[in-house]
Amino acid sequence: MNMKAKPIPGIPYQVKGAYHDTESRKYFSSSEVAAQNFEILKERFFSINRWKDYCGGWSADFKLFDSTGSFVDRMPKVGDFVRIDIPGPGDLQAKGFDWVEIVKIDHQTYENGLERYLIMCRPSKIPDSKSNHIAHFFSRKSSSSFVICKGADWIKAGVYGRNEIPNFSKTDFFGKIRNFIVFIGGSLRLTKIQWKSMTDGLIDY
C-alpha cells in the first residue's frame, strides 16, 4: 500500500489531512484502438450530469451548475459548480447536497504520446448564495482532481484527493459532527470504494 500521495503534475501537493489516489486503466491491442476508446472516454468525462449513469449505484450523483446557480447541460468550464449528492446524509444547510467549484480545466500532451485532461474542484459555497458557508464536508483547502489519460496502448481514469481536512467553519454542531464522520470515512479509505466505482465505470463501455 502506497503511504504517500503520488506526485502528479498539475495536482496540488499533499500537505495536511487525508488523501487518496484512485485509478483504473484499460489496455488495447493497438494505439489506434486506444485512441478510438479515448474519444469515448472524453465524451463521458465532460458529461458531468451523466457520471452516475456511467459509474453505477456506488457513485455519488453529480450535477453541473453555472455561476448563477442555474442547472446547465454542457461542457464544464472554470467557474462552474458541481452539486454532489453522496450516499448518506448531506450538508443540512445545503438541503442535503455538497458543492464544489471547478477551479481548473487543463489539457496536456507530451512527447511520448501521453495525453491528459484534468478537472480540478474545490469545496465551495452554494453558487449565488449570500452566505459564505462552505457546503461540503471538506474545507476549501481540499481538492479533488478528475483525470483521464491516453498512452500508447491504454487509457486511464483517475480521481485524486488532496489535503482533505474536515470543514468546521461556519457550520452548526450537527454539521460539524457529520463532516467529521465523513472525514474519518475518507481517512479510513472507505470513500475509495465510491471513487473506484467511478473510475472503473468511466472506462467500462
N, C-alpha and C. Protein backbone atom coordinates (compact mmCIF):
# COMPACT_ATOMS: atom_id res chain seq x y z
N MET A 1 0.84 -1.20 0.00
CA MET A 1 0.00 0.00 0.00
C MET A 1 0.87 1.25 0.00
N ASN A 2 0.60 2.18 -0.92
CA ASN A 2 1.37 3.41 -1.00
C ASN A 2 1.00 4.33 0.16
N MET A 3 2.01 4.68 0.97
CA MET A 3 1.75 5.51 2.15
C MET A 3 1.92 6.99 1.87
N LYS A 4 2.29 7.34 0.63
CA LYS A 4 2.43 8.74 0.27
C LYS A 4 1.61 9.02 -0.99
N ALA A 5 1.07 10.24 -1.04
CA ALA A 5 0.31 10.64 -2.22
C ALA A 5 1.25 10.72 -3.42
N LYS A 6 0.77 10.26 -4.57
CA LYS A 6 1.58 10.30 -5.78
C LYS A 6 1.82 11.74 -6.20
N PRO A 7 3.06 12.10 -6.52
CA PRO A 7 3.31 13.44 -7.08
C PRO A 7 2.89 13.45 -8.55
N ILE A 8 1.86 14.24 -8.86
CA ILE A 8 1.31 14.27 -10.21
C ILE A 8 1.31 15.71 -10.71
N PRO A 9 1.91 15.97 -11.87
CA PRO A 9 1.93 17.34 -12.41
C PRO A 9 0.52 17.93 -12.51
N GLY A 10 0.38 19.16 -12.04
CA GLY A 10 -0.89 19.86 -12.13
C GLY A 10 -1.82 19.64 -10.97
N ILE A 11 -1.47 18.71 -10.08
CA ILE A 11 -2.31 18.40 -8.92
C ILE A 11 -1.61 18.90 -7.67
N PRO A 12 -2.34 19.53 -6.73
CA PRO A 12 -1.70 20.09 -5.53
C PRO A 12 -0.90 19.06 -4.75
N TYR A 13 0.18 19.52 -4.12
CA TYR A 13 0.96 18.67 -3.24
C TYR A 13 0.13 18.32 -2.00
N GLN A 14 0.35 17.14 -1.50
CA GLN A 14 -0.28 16.73 -0.25
C GLN A 14 0.49 17.33 0.92
N VAL A 15 -0.18 18.15 1.73
CA VAL A 15 0.47 18.83 2.85
C VAL A 15 -0.12 18.39 4.18
N LYS A 16 -1.45 18.33 4.26
CA LYS A 16 -2.11 18.08 5.53
C LYS A 16 -3.43 17.35 5.31
N GLY A 17 -3.79 16.50 6.26
CA GLY A 17 -5.07 15.81 6.18
C GLY A 17 -4.97 14.50 5.43
N ALA A 18 -6.13 14.02 4.98
CA ALA A 18 -6.20 12.75 4.26
C ALA A 18 -5.98 12.98 2.77
N TYR A 19 -5.81 11.88 2.05
CA TYR A 19 -5.66 11.95 0.59
C TYR A 19 -6.06 10.60 0.01
N HIS A 20 -6.23 10.55 -1.29
CA HIS A 20 -6.40 9.26 -1.96
C HIS A 20 -5.96 9.39 -3.41
N ASP A 21 -5.48 8.29 -3.95
CA ASP A 21 -5.13 8.15 -5.37
C ASP A 21 -5.93 6.96 -5.88
N THR A 22 -6.90 7.20 -6.75
CA THR A 22 -7.76 6.13 -7.25
C THR A 22 -7.67 6.11 -8.77
N GLU A 23 -7.29 4.98 -9.34
CA GLU A 23 -7.07 4.88 -10.78
C GLU A 23 -7.63 3.58 -11.35
N SER A 24 -8.07 3.64 -12.59
CA SER A 24 -8.46 2.45 -13.34
C SER A 24 -7.87 2.58 -14.74
N ARG A 25 -7.31 1.48 -15.25
CA ARG A 25 -6.64 1.50 -16.55
C ARG A 25 -7.13 0.34 -17.40
N LYS A 26 -7.22 0.58 -18.72
CA LYS A 26 -7.61 -0.48 -19.64
C LYS A 26 -6.63 -0.49 -20.82
N TYR A 27 -6.18 -1.70 -21.19
CA TYR A 27 -5.24 -1.87 -22.29
C TYR A 27 -5.95 -2.34 -23.55
N PHE A 28 -5.34 -2.03 -24.73
CA PHE A 28 -5.92 -2.38 -26.02
C PHE A 28 -4.86 -2.99 -26.92
N SER A 29 -5.34 -3.52 -28.04
CA SER A 29 -4.45 -4.25 -28.94
C SER A 29 -3.55 -3.35 -29.77
N SER A 30 -3.92 -2.07 -29.89
CA SER A 30 -3.12 -1.15 -30.70
C SER A 30 -3.35 0.28 -30.25
N SER A 31 -2.50 1.18 -30.72
CA SER A 31 -2.65 2.60 -30.39
C SER A 31 -3.90 3.17 -31.04
N GLU A 32 -4.27 2.64 -32.21
CA GLU A 32 -5.46 3.12 -32.91
C GLU A 32 -6.72 2.81 -32.09
N VAL A 33 -6.80 1.59 -31.58
CA VAL A 33 -7.97 1.21 -30.77
C VAL A 33 -8.00 2.02 -29.47
N ALA A 34 -6.81 2.24 -28.88
CA ALA A 34 -6.75 3.06 -27.67
C ALA A 34 -7.25 4.47 -27.95
N ALA A 35 -6.85 5.05 -29.09
CA ALA A 35 -7.27 6.40 -29.44
C ALA A 35 -8.78 6.47 -29.65
N GLN A 36 -9.35 5.45 -30.30
CA GLN A 36 -10.80 5.41 -30.50
C GLN A 36 -11.55 5.36 -29.18
N ASN A 37 -11.06 4.56 -28.26
CA ASN A 37 -11.71 4.44 -26.96
C ASN A 37 -11.52 5.70 -26.12
N PHE A 38 -10.41 6.39 -26.34
CA PHE A 38 -10.18 7.63 -25.59
C PHE A 38 -11.18 8.70 -26.00
N GLU A 39 -11.60 8.70 -27.26
CA GLU A 39 -12.62 9.65 -27.70
C GLU A 39 -13.93 9.41 -26.97
N ILE A 40 -14.28 8.14 -26.77
CA ILE A 40 -15.48 7.82 -25.99
C ILE A 40 -15.32 8.26 -24.55
N LEU A 41 -14.13 8.01 -23.98
CA LEU A 41 -13.87 8.40 -22.59
C LEU A 41 -13.95 9.91 -22.42
N LYS A 42 -13.45 10.67 -23.38
CA LYS A 42 -13.52 12.13 -23.29
C LYS A 42 -14.97 12.61 -23.24
N GLU A 43 -15.80 12.02 -24.08
CA GLU A 43 -17.22 12.41 -24.08
C GLU A 43 -17.86 12.12 -22.73
N ARG A 44 -17.55 10.98 -22.16
CA ARG A 44 -18.08 10.63 -20.84
C ARG A 44 -17.53 11.57 -19.77
N PHE A 45 -16.24 11.85 -19.84
CA PHE A 45 -15.55 12.66 -18.83
C PHE A 45 -16.16 14.06 -18.73
N PHE A 46 -16.49 14.64 -19.86
CA PHE A 46 -17.03 16.00 -19.86
C PHE A 46 -18.55 16.05 -19.78
N SER A 47 -19.18 14.90 -19.58
CA SER A 47 -20.63 14.84 -19.38
C SER A 47 -20.92 14.63 -17.90
N ILE A 48 -20.65 15.64 -17.10
CA ILE A 48 -20.73 15.51 -15.65
C ILE A 48 -22.11 15.08 -15.18
N ASN A 49 -23.15 15.58 -15.83
CA ASN A 49 -24.51 15.24 -15.41
C ASN A 49 -24.83 13.75 -15.57
N ARG A 50 -24.03 13.04 -16.35
CA ARG A 50 -24.29 11.62 -16.58
C ARG A 50 -23.27 10.70 -15.91
N TRP A 51 -22.44 11.26 -15.05
CA TRP A 51 -21.42 10.44 -14.39
C TRP A 51 -22.05 9.27 -13.63
N LYS A 52 -23.12 9.52 -12.92
CA LYS A 52 -23.74 8.44 -12.14
C LYS A 52 -24.24 7.32 -13.05
N ASP A 53 -24.77 7.69 -14.23
CA ASP A 53 -25.24 6.67 -15.17
C ASP A 53 -24.10 5.77 -15.60
N TYR A 54 -22.92 6.35 -15.77
CA TYR A 54 -21.77 5.58 -16.21
C TYR A 54 -21.15 4.76 -15.07
N CYS A 55 -21.27 5.27 -13.86
CA CYS A 55 -20.47 4.73 -12.76
C CYS A 55 -21.22 3.85 -11.78
N GLY A 56 -22.53 3.73 -11.93
CA GLY A 56 -23.25 2.75 -11.14
C GLY A 56 -23.72 3.25 -9.79
N GLY A 57 -24.36 2.32 -9.05
CA GLY A 57 -25.05 2.66 -7.82
C GLY A 57 -24.16 3.14 -6.69
N TRP A 58 -22.86 2.75 -6.69
CA TRP A 58 -21.98 3.20 -5.62
C TRP A 58 -21.55 4.65 -5.78
N SER A 59 -21.76 5.21 -6.96
CA SER A 59 -21.28 6.56 -7.23
C SER A 59 -22.24 7.61 -6.68
N ALA A 60 -21.68 8.76 -6.31
CA ALA A 60 -22.49 9.92 -5.99
C ALA A 60 -23.16 10.42 -7.27
N ASP A 61 -24.15 11.28 -7.11
CA ASP A 61 -24.82 11.89 -8.26
C ASP A 61 -24.28 13.30 -8.43
N PHE A 62 -23.80 13.62 -9.63
CA PHE A 62 -23.17 14.91 -9.91
C PHE A 62 -24.03 15.70 -10.90
N LYS A 63 -24.25 16.99 -10.60
CA LYS A 63 -24.99 17.86 -11.50
C LYS A 63 -24.23 19.17 -11.66
N LEU A 64 -24.20 19.67 -12.91
CA LEU A 64 -23.42 20.85 -13.25
C LEU A 64 -24.29 22.11 -13.20
N PHE A 65 -23.76 23.17 -12.58
CA PHE A 65 -24.45 24.45 -12.46
C PHE A 65 -23.49 25.58 -12.87
N ASP A 66 -24.04 26.67 -13.39
CA ASP A 66 -23.20 27.81 -13.72
C ASP A 66 -23.04 28.71 -12.49
N SER A 67 -22.35 29.83 -12.68
CA SER A 67 -22.01 30.71 -11.54
C SER A 67 -23.23 31.37 -10.91
N THR A 68 -24.36 31.39 -11.63
CA THR A 68 -25.59 31.98 -11.07
C THR A 68 -26.43 30.96 -10.33
N GLY A 69 -26.01 29.69 -10.35
CA GLY A 69 -26.76 28.64 -9.68
C GLY A 69 -27.80 27.98 -10.55
N SER A 70 -27.71 28.18 -11.88
CA SER A 70 -28.65 27.56 -12.82
C SER A 70 -28.08 26.24 -13.33
N PHE A 71 -28.92 25.22 -13.37
CA PHE A 71 -28.51 23.93 -13.91
C PHE A 71 -28.19 24.08 -15.39
N VAL A 72 -27.07 23.46 -15.83
CA VAL A 72 -26.68 23.52 -17.24
C VAL A 72 -26.30 22.11 -17.69
N ASP A 73 -26.53 21.85 -18.98
CA ASP A 73 -26.17 20.55 -19.57
C ASP A 73 -25.27 20.83 -20.76
N ARG A 74 -23.98 21.01 -20.47
CA ARG A 74 -22.98 21.37 -21.48
C ARG A 74 -21.61 20.98 -20.97
N MET A 75 -20.59 21.32 -21.76
CA MET A 75 -19.22 21.11 -21.31
C MET A 75 -18.95 21.98 -20.08
N PRO A 76 -18.26 21.46 -19.09
CA PRO A 76 -17.93 22.29 -17.93
C PRO A 76 -16.87 23.33 -18.26
N LYS A 77 -16.84 24.40 -17.48
CA LYS A 77 -15.80 25.41 -17.62
C LYS A 77 -15.42 25.92 -16.25
N VAL A 78 -14.27 26.56 -16.17
CA VAL A 78 -13.80 27.12 -14.91
C VAL A 78 -14.80 28.15 -14.41
N GLY A 79 -15.13 28.08 -13.12
CA GLY A 79 -16.13 28.96 -12.53
C GLY A 79 -17.49 28.31 -12.39
N ASP A 80 -17.69 27.15 -13.04
CA ASP A 80 -18.91 26.38 -12.83
C ASP A 80 -18.87 25.71 -11.46
N PHE A 81 -20.04 25.21 -11.05
CA PHE A 81 -20.15 24.49 -9.79
C PHE A 81 -20.73 23.10 -10.06
N VAL A 82 -20.38 22.16 -9.19
CA VAL A 82 -20.93 20.81 -9.28
C VAL A 82 -21.63 20.50 -7.96
N ARG A 83 -22.90 20.15 -8.06
CA ARG A 83 -23.68 19.74 -6.89
C ARG A 83 -23.57 18.22 -6.75
N ILE A 84 -23.21 17.79 -5.55
CA ILE A 84 -22.94 16.37 -5.32
C ILE A 84 -23.93 15.82 -4.30
N ASP A 85 -24.55 14.73 -4.65
CA ASP A 85 -25.44 14.03 -3.73
C ASP A 85 -24.77 12.70 -3.40
N ILE A 86 -24.06 12.67 -2.27
CA ILE A 86 -23.33 11.46 -1.91
C ILE A 86 -24.26 10.50 -1.18
N PRO A 87 -23.99 9.20 -1.26
CA PRO A 87 -24.78 8.25 -0.47
C PRO A 87 -24.65 8.58 1.02
N GLY A 88 -25.77 8.67 1.72
CA GLY A 88 -25.74 9.02 3.14
C GLY A 88 -26.16 10.46 3.35
N PRO A 89 -26.06 10.95 4.59
CA PRO A 89 -26.51 12.30 4.92
C PRO A 89 -25.66 13.37 4.26
N GLY A 90 -26.32 14.41 3.76
CA GLY A 90 -25.61 15.52 3.13
C GLY A 90 -25.55 16.73 4.04
N ASP A 91 -25.07 17.84 3.49
CA ASP A 91 -24.96 19.08 4.23
C ASP A 91 -26.36 19.64 4.48
N LEU A 92 -26.74 19.74 5.76
CA LEU A 92 -28.10 20.17 6.09
C LEU A 92 -28.38 21.60 5.64
N GLN A 93 -27.36 22.45 5.72
CA GLN A 93 -27.55 23.84 5.31
C GLN A 93 -27.65 23.99 3.80
N ALA A 94 -27.31 22.94 3.06
CA ALA A 94 -27.40 22.96 1.60
C ALA A 94 -28.44 21.97 1.10
N LYS A 95 -29.45 21.71 1.94
CA LYS A 95 -30.57 20.82 1.59
C LYS A 95 -30.09 19.41 1.24
N GLY A 96 -29.06 18.95 1.93
CA GLY A 96 -28.59 17.59 1.75
C GLY A 96 -27.54 17.38 0.67
N PHE A 97 -27.09 18.48 0.03
CA PHE A 97 -26.10 18.36 -1.03
C PHE A 97 -24.75 18.91 -0.57
N ASP A 98 -23.71 18.51 -1.29
CA ASP A 98 -22.39 19.12 -1.15
C ASP A 98 -22.05 19.81 -2.47
N TRP A 99 -21.28 20.89 -2.37
CA TRP A 99 -20.96 21.70 -3.56
C TRP A 99 -19.46 21.87 -3.72
N VAL A 100 -19.00 21.82 -4.99
CA VAL A 100 -17.61 22.14 -5.31
C VAL A 100 -17.59 23.11 -6.49
N GLU A 101 -16.52 23.88 -6.56
CA GLU A 101 -16.32 24.80 -7.69
C GLU A 101 -15.21 24.26 -8.59
N ILE A 102 -15.42 24.34 -9.89
CA ILE A 102 -14.38 23.95 -10.83
C ILE A 102 -13.37 25.09 -10.93
N VAL A 103 -12.16 24.85 -10.47
CA VAL A 103 -11.15 25.90 -10.41
C VAL A 103 -10.08 25.74 -11.49
N LYS A 104 -10.06 24.59 -12.17
CA LYS A 104 -9.04 24.37 -13.20
C LYS A 104 -9.50 23.31 -14.17
N ILE A 105 -9.35 23.57 -15.46
CA ILE A 105 -9.54 22.57 -16.51
C ILE A 105 -8.30 22.64 -17.39
N ASP A 106 -7.66 21.51 -17.60
CA ASP A 106 -6.34 21.51 -18.24
C ASP A 106 -6.25 20.37 -19.25
N HIS A 107 -5.56 20.64 -20.36
CA HIS A 107 -5.28 19.62 -21.38
C HIS A 107 -3.80 19.66 -21.70
N GLN A 108 -3.14 18.51 -21.58
CA GLN A 108 -1.71 18.43 -21.82
C GLN A 108 -1.41 17.28 -22.76
N THR A 109 -0.45 17.50 -23.67
CA THR A 109 0.09 16.42 -24.49
C THR A 109 1.61 16.40 -24.28
N TYR A 110 2.19 15.21 -24.40
CA TYR A 110 3.61 15.02 -24.12
C TYR A 110 4.29 14.31 -25.29
N GLU A 111 5.61 14.42 -25.34
CA GLU A 111 6.37 13.88 -26.47
C GLU A 111 6.24 12.36 -26.59
N ASN A 112 6.02 11.67 -25.48
CA ASN A 112 5.91 10.22 -25.52
C ASN A 112 4.53 9.73 -25.95
N GLY A 113 3.68 10.66 -26.38
CA GLY A 113 2.35 10.28 -26.84
C GLY A 113 1.29 10.32 -25.78
N LEU A 114 1.67 10.59 -24.54
CA LEU A 114 0.70 10.68 -23.46
C LEU A 114 -0.15 11.93 -23.63
N GLU A 115 -1.45 11.77 -23.43
CA GLU A 115 -2.39 12.89 -23.49
C GLU A 115 -3.23 12.87 -22.23
N ARG A 116 -3.50 14.05 -21.66
CA ARG A 116 -4.21 14.11 -20.38
C ARG A 116 -5.19 15.26 -20.34
N TYR A 117 -6.35 15.01 -19.74
CA TYR A 117 -7.32 16.04 -19.41
C TYR A 117 -7.54 16.03 -17.90
N LEU A 118 -7.71 17.21 -17.32
CA LEU A 118 -7.87 17.35 -15.87
C LEU A 118 -8.98 18.33 -15.55
N ILE A 119 -9.81 17.98 -14.59
CA ILE A 119 -10.78 18.91 -13.99
C ILE A 119 -10.52 18.93 -12.49
N MET A 120 -10.16 20.09 -11.96
CA MET A 120 -9.89 20.21 -10.53
C MET A 120 -11.01 20.99 -9.85
N CYS A 121 -11.46 20.48 -8.71
CA CYS A 121 -12.54 21.11 -7.95
C CYS A 121 -12.11 21.37 -6.52
N ARG A 122 -12.72 22.40 -5.93
CA ARG A 122 -12.52 22.68 -4.50
C ARG A 122 -13.89 22.88 -3.83
N PRO A 123 -14.02 22.47 -2.58
CA PRO A 123 -15.27 22.72 -1.85
C PRO A 123 -15.66 24.19 -1.92
N SER A 124 -16.95 24.46 -1.99
CA SER A 124 -17.40 25.83 -2.21
C SER A 124 -18.70 26.10 -1.49
N LYS A 125 -19.09 27.35 -1.51
CA LYS A 125 -20.43 27.73 -1.07
C LYS A 125 -21.42 27.38 -2.17
N ILE A 126 -22.70 27.49 -1.87
CA ILE A 126 -23.73 27.31 -2.89
C ILE A 126 -23.62 28.48 -3.87
N PRO A 127 -23.62 28.22 -5.18
CA PRO A 127 -23.48 29.32 -6.14
C PRO A 127 -24.57 30.37 -5.97
N ASP A 128 -24.16 31.63 -6.08
CA ASP A 128 -25.06 32.78 -5.97
C ASP A 128 -25.70 32.89 -4.60
N SER A 129 -25.04 32.28 -3.59
CA SER A 129 -25.55 32.38 -2.23
C SER A 129 -24.92 33.58 -1.53
N LYS A 130 -25.70 34.25 -0.67
CA LYS A 130 -25.17 35.36 0.10
C LYS A 130 -24.33 34.88 1.27
N SER A 131 -24.50 33.63 1.62
CA SER A 131 -23.73 33.06 2.72
C SER A 131 -22.37 32.58 2.24
N ASN A 132 -21.36 32.70 3.11
CA ASN A 132 -20.03 32.19 2.80
C ASN A 132 -19.83 30.76 3.31
N HIS A 133 -20.91 30.13 3.75
CA HIS A 133 -20.82 28.76 4.26
C HIS A 133 -20.32 27.81 3.17
N ILE A 134 -19.23 27.08 3.45
CA ILE A 134 -18.72 26.08 2.53
C ILE A 134 -19.60 24.84 2.65
N ALA A 135 -20.37 24.57 1.62
CA ALA A 135 -21.36 23.49 1.65
C ALA A 135 -20.69 22.18 1.23
N HIS A 136 -19.82 21.69 2.08
CA HIS A 136 -19.08 20.47 1.77
C HIS A 136 -18.49 19.94 3.07
N PHE A 137 -18.24 18.63 3.12
CA PHE A 137 -17.68 18.04 4.33
C PHE A 137 -16.19 18.31 4.48
N PHE A 138 -15.50 18.74 3.38
CA PHE A 138 -14.10 19.13 3.46
C PHE A 138 -13.97 20.65 3.39
N SER A 139 -12.84 21.17 3.85
CA SER A 139 -12.60 22.61 3.83
C SER A 139 -12.22 23.06 2.42
N ARG A 140 -12.20 24.36 2.23
CA ARG A 140 -11.86 24.95 0.94
C ARG A 140 -10.45 24.60 0.50
N LYS A 141 -9.57 24.29 1.44
CA LYS A 141 -8.18 23.96 1.10
C LYS A 141 -8.05 22.58 0.45
N SER A 142 -9.08 21.77 0.58
CA SER A 142 -9.05 20.44 -0.02
C SER A 142 -9.28 20.54 -1.53
N SER A 143 -8.89 19.51 -2.24
CA SER A 143 -9.12 19.49 -3.69
C SER A 143 -9.41 18.07 -4.15
N SER A 144 -10.21 17.97 -5.22
CA SER A 144 -10.44 16.71 -5.92
C SER A 144 -10.12 16.95 -7.38
N SER A 145 -9.23 16.13 -7.93
CA SER A 145 -8.83 16.28 -9.33
C SER A 145 -9.26 15.04 -10.10
N PHE A 146 -10.05 15.26 -11.15
CA PHE A 146 -10.53 14.19 -12.01
C PHE A 146 -9.69 14.20 -13.28
N VAL A 147 -9.14 13.05 -13.64
CA VAL A 147 -8.16 12.99 -14.72
C VAL A 147 -8.46 11.82 -15.65
N ILE A 148 -8.30 12.04 -16.95
CA ILE A 148 -8.27 10.94 -17.91
C ILE A 148 -6.99 11.06 -18.73
N CYS A 149 -6.40 9.91 -19.07
CA CYS A 149 -5.14 9.88 -19.81
C CYS A 149 -5.21 8.84 -20.91
N LYS A 150 -4.38 9.06 -21.95
CA LYS A 150 -4.18 8.07 -23.01
C LYS A 150 -2.70 7.85 -23.21
N GLY A 151 -2.29 6.58 -23.20
CA GLY A 151 -0.92 6.22 -23.52
C GLY A 151 -0.86 5.54 -24.87
N ALA A 152 0.24 4.82 -25.12
CA ALA A 152 0.42 4.17 -26.42
C ALA A 152 -0.67 3.15 -26.70
N ASP A 153 -1.00 2.34 -25.69
CA ASP A 153 -2.00 1.29 -25.90
C ASP A 153 -2.95 1.16 -24.73
N TRP A 154 -3.18 2.25 -24.00
CA TRP A 154 -4.04 2.19 -22.83
C TRP A 154 -4.74 3.53 -22.61
N ILE A 155 -5.82 3.47 -21.83
CA ILE A 155 -6.49 4.67 -21.33
C ILE A 155 -6.64 4.52 -19.81
N LYS A 156 -6.76 5.64 -19.12
CA LYS A 156 -6.84 5.62 -17.66
C LYS A 156 -7.77 6.71 -17.18
N ALA A 157 -8.54 6.40 -16.13
CA ALA A 157 -9.33 7.40 -15.41
C ALA A 157 -8.85 7.43 -13.97
N GLY A 158 -8.74 8.62 -13.40
CA GLY A 158 -8.25 8.73 -12.03
C GLY A 158 -8.95 9.85 -11.28
N VAL A 159 -9.05 9.67 -9.97
CA VAL A 159 -9.53 10.72 -9.07
C VAL A 159 -8.51 10.84 -7.95
N TYR A 160 -8.07 12.07 -7.68
CA TYR A 160 -7.00 12.29 -6.71
C TYR A 160 -7.46 13.34 -5.69
N GLY A 161 -7.60 12.92 -4.44
CA GLY A 161 -7.97 13.83 -3.37
C GLY A 161 -6.73 14.29 -2.62
N ARG A 162 -6.67 15.58 -2.33
CA ARG A 162 -5.50 16.13 -1.63
C ARG A 162 -5.94 17.05 -0.49
N ASN A 163 -5.19 16.98 0.61
CA ASN A 163 -5.37 17.89 1.75
C ASN A 163 -6.81 17.90 2.25
N GLU A 164 -7.35 16.69 2.44
CA GLU A 164 -8.75 16.53 2.83
C GLU A 164 -8.90 16.76 4.34
N ILE A 165 -9.34 17.96 4.67
CA ILE A 165 -9.49 18.41 6.06
C ILE A 165 -10.97 18.65 6.33
N PRO A 166 -11.50 18.17 7.47
CA PRO A 166 -12.94 18.37 7.72
C PRO A 166 -13.30 19.85 7.82
N ASN A 167 -14.47 20.18 7.33
CA ASN A 167 -14.96 21.55 7.32
C ASN A 167 -15.68 21.85 8.64
N PHE A 168 -15.04 22.66 9.48
CA PHE A 168 -15.65 23.07 10.74
C PHE A 168 -16.01 24.56 10.74
N SER A 169 -15.85 25.22 9.60
CA SER A 169 -16.05 26.66 9.51
C SER A 169 -17.48 26.99 9.12
N LYS A 170 -18.10 27.89 9.89
CA LYS A 170 -19.45 28.41 9.59
C LYS A 170 -20.46 27.28 9.38
N THR A 171 -20.39 26.26 10.22
CA THR A 171 -21.39 25.20 10.18
C THR A 171 -21.85 24.91 11.59
N ASP A 172 -23.06 24.40 11.73
CA ASP A 172 -23.60 24.17 13.06
C ASP A 172 -23.04 22.89 13.69
N PHE A 173 -23.46 22.60 14.90
CA PHE A 173 -22.91 21.47 15.65
C PHE A 173 -23.12 20.15 14.90
N PHE A 174 -24.35 19.93 14.42
CA PHE A 174 -24.64 18.68 13.72
C PHE A 174 -23.88 18.59 12.40
N GLY A 175 -23.68 19.75 11.76
CA GLY A 175 -22.88 19.76 10.55
C GLY A 175 -21.44 19.39 10.82
N LYS A 176 -20.89 19.87 11.93
CA LYS A 176 -19.51 19.53 12.27
C LYS A 176 -19.37 18.04 12.56
N ILE A 177 -20.37 17.46 13.26
CA ILE A 177 -20.34 16.03 13.54
C ILE A 177 -20.39 15.24 12.23
N ARG A 178 -21.30 15.62 11.35
CA ARG A 178 -21.43 14.93 10.07
C ARG A 178 -20.14 15.04 9.26
N ASN A 179 -19.54 16.23 9.18
CA ASN A 179 -18.32 16.42 8.40
C ASN A 179 -17.17 15.61 8.97
N PHE A 180 -17.11 15.52 10.31
CA PHE A 180 -16.04 14.74 10.93
C PHE A 180 -16.21 13.25 10.64
N ILE A 181 -17.44 12.78 10.66
CA ILE A 181 -17.70 11.36 10.37
C ILE A 181 -17.30 11.04 8.93
N VAL A 182 -17.66 11.92 7.99
CA VAL A 182 -17.29 11.69 6.60
C VAL A 182 -15.77 11.75 6.44
N PHE A 183 -15.13 12.68 7.16
CA PHE A 183 -13.67 12.78 7.11
C PHE A 183 -13.01 11.49 7.60
N ILE A 184 -13.53 10.93 8.70
CA ILE A 184 -12.98 9.68 9.21
C ILE A 184 -13.16 8.57 8.18
N GLY A 185 -14.31 8.56 7.53
CA GLY A 185 -14.54 7.57 6.48
C GLY A 185 -13.53 7.72 5.35
N GLY A 186 -13.24 8.97 4.97
CA GLY A 186 -12.24 9.20 3.93
C GLY A 186 -10.86 8.79 4.38
N SER A 187 -10.53 9.09 5.63
CA SER A 187 -9.21 8.75 6.15
C SER A 187 -9.00 7.24 6.20
N LEU A 188 -10.09 6.51 6.44
CA LEU A 188 -10.01 5.05 6.50
C LEU A 188 -10.17 4.41 5.12
N ARG A 189 -10.18 5.25 4.09
CA ARG A 189 -10.29 4.80 2.70
C ARG A 189 -11.65 4.19 2.36
N LEU A 190 -12.67 4.45 3.21
CA LEU A 190 -13.99 3.92 2.90
C LEU A 190 -14.56 4.59 1.65
N THR A 191 -14.26 5.87 1.47
CA THR A 191 -14.77 6.56 0.29
C THR A 191 -14.07 6.10 -0.99
N LYS A 192 -12.95 5.40 -0.84
CA LYS A 192 -12.25 4.92 -2.04
C LYS A 192 -13.11 3.94 -2.81
N ILE A 193 -14.02 3.23 -2.13
CA ILE A 193 -14.93 2.32 -2.81
C ILE A 193 -15.74 3.09 -3.85
N GLN A 194 -16.24 4.27 -3.44
CA GLN A 194 -17.03 5.07 -4.36
C GLN A 194 -16.19 5.56 -5.52
N TRP A 195 -15.00 6.09 -5.24
CA TRP A 195 -14.17 6.63 -6.32
C TRP A 195 -13.71 5.53 -7.27
N LYS A 196 -13.45 4.32 -6.73
CA LYS A 196 -13.05 3.21 -7.59
C LYS A 196 -14.21 2.79 -8.48
N SER A 197 -15.41 2.83 -7.95
CA SER A 197 -16.59 2.55 -8.77
C SER A 197 -16.68 3.55 -9.91
N MET A 198 -16.33 4.79 -9.63
CA MET A 198 -16.40 5.83 -10.65
C MET A 198 -15.34 5.63 -11.73
N THR A 199 -14.08 5.43 -11.34
CA THR A 199 -13.03 5.28 -12.34
C THR A 199 -13.21 4.02 -13.17
N ASP A 200 -13.66 2.94 -12.53
CA ASP A 200 -13.96 1.71 -13.27
C ASP A 200 -15.10 1.95 -14.26
N GLY A 201 -16.14 2.65 -13.81
CA GLY A 201 -17.31 2.86 -14.64
C GLY A 201 -17.03 3.75 -15.85
N LEU A 202 -16.17 4.74 -15.69
CA LEU A 202 -15.89 5.65 -16.81
C LEU A 202 -15.23 4.94 -17.98
N ILE A 203 -14.39 3.94 -17.70
CA ILE A 203 -13.68 3.25 -18.80
C ILE A 203 -14.34 1.94 -19.20
N ASP A 204 -15.48 1.60 -18.60
CA ASP A 204 -16.16 0.35 -18.88
C ASP A 204 -17.35 0.61 -19.79
N TYR A 205 -17.18 0.34 -21.10
CA TYR A 205 -18.30 0.54 -22.03
C TYR A 205 -18.21 -0.45 -23.18
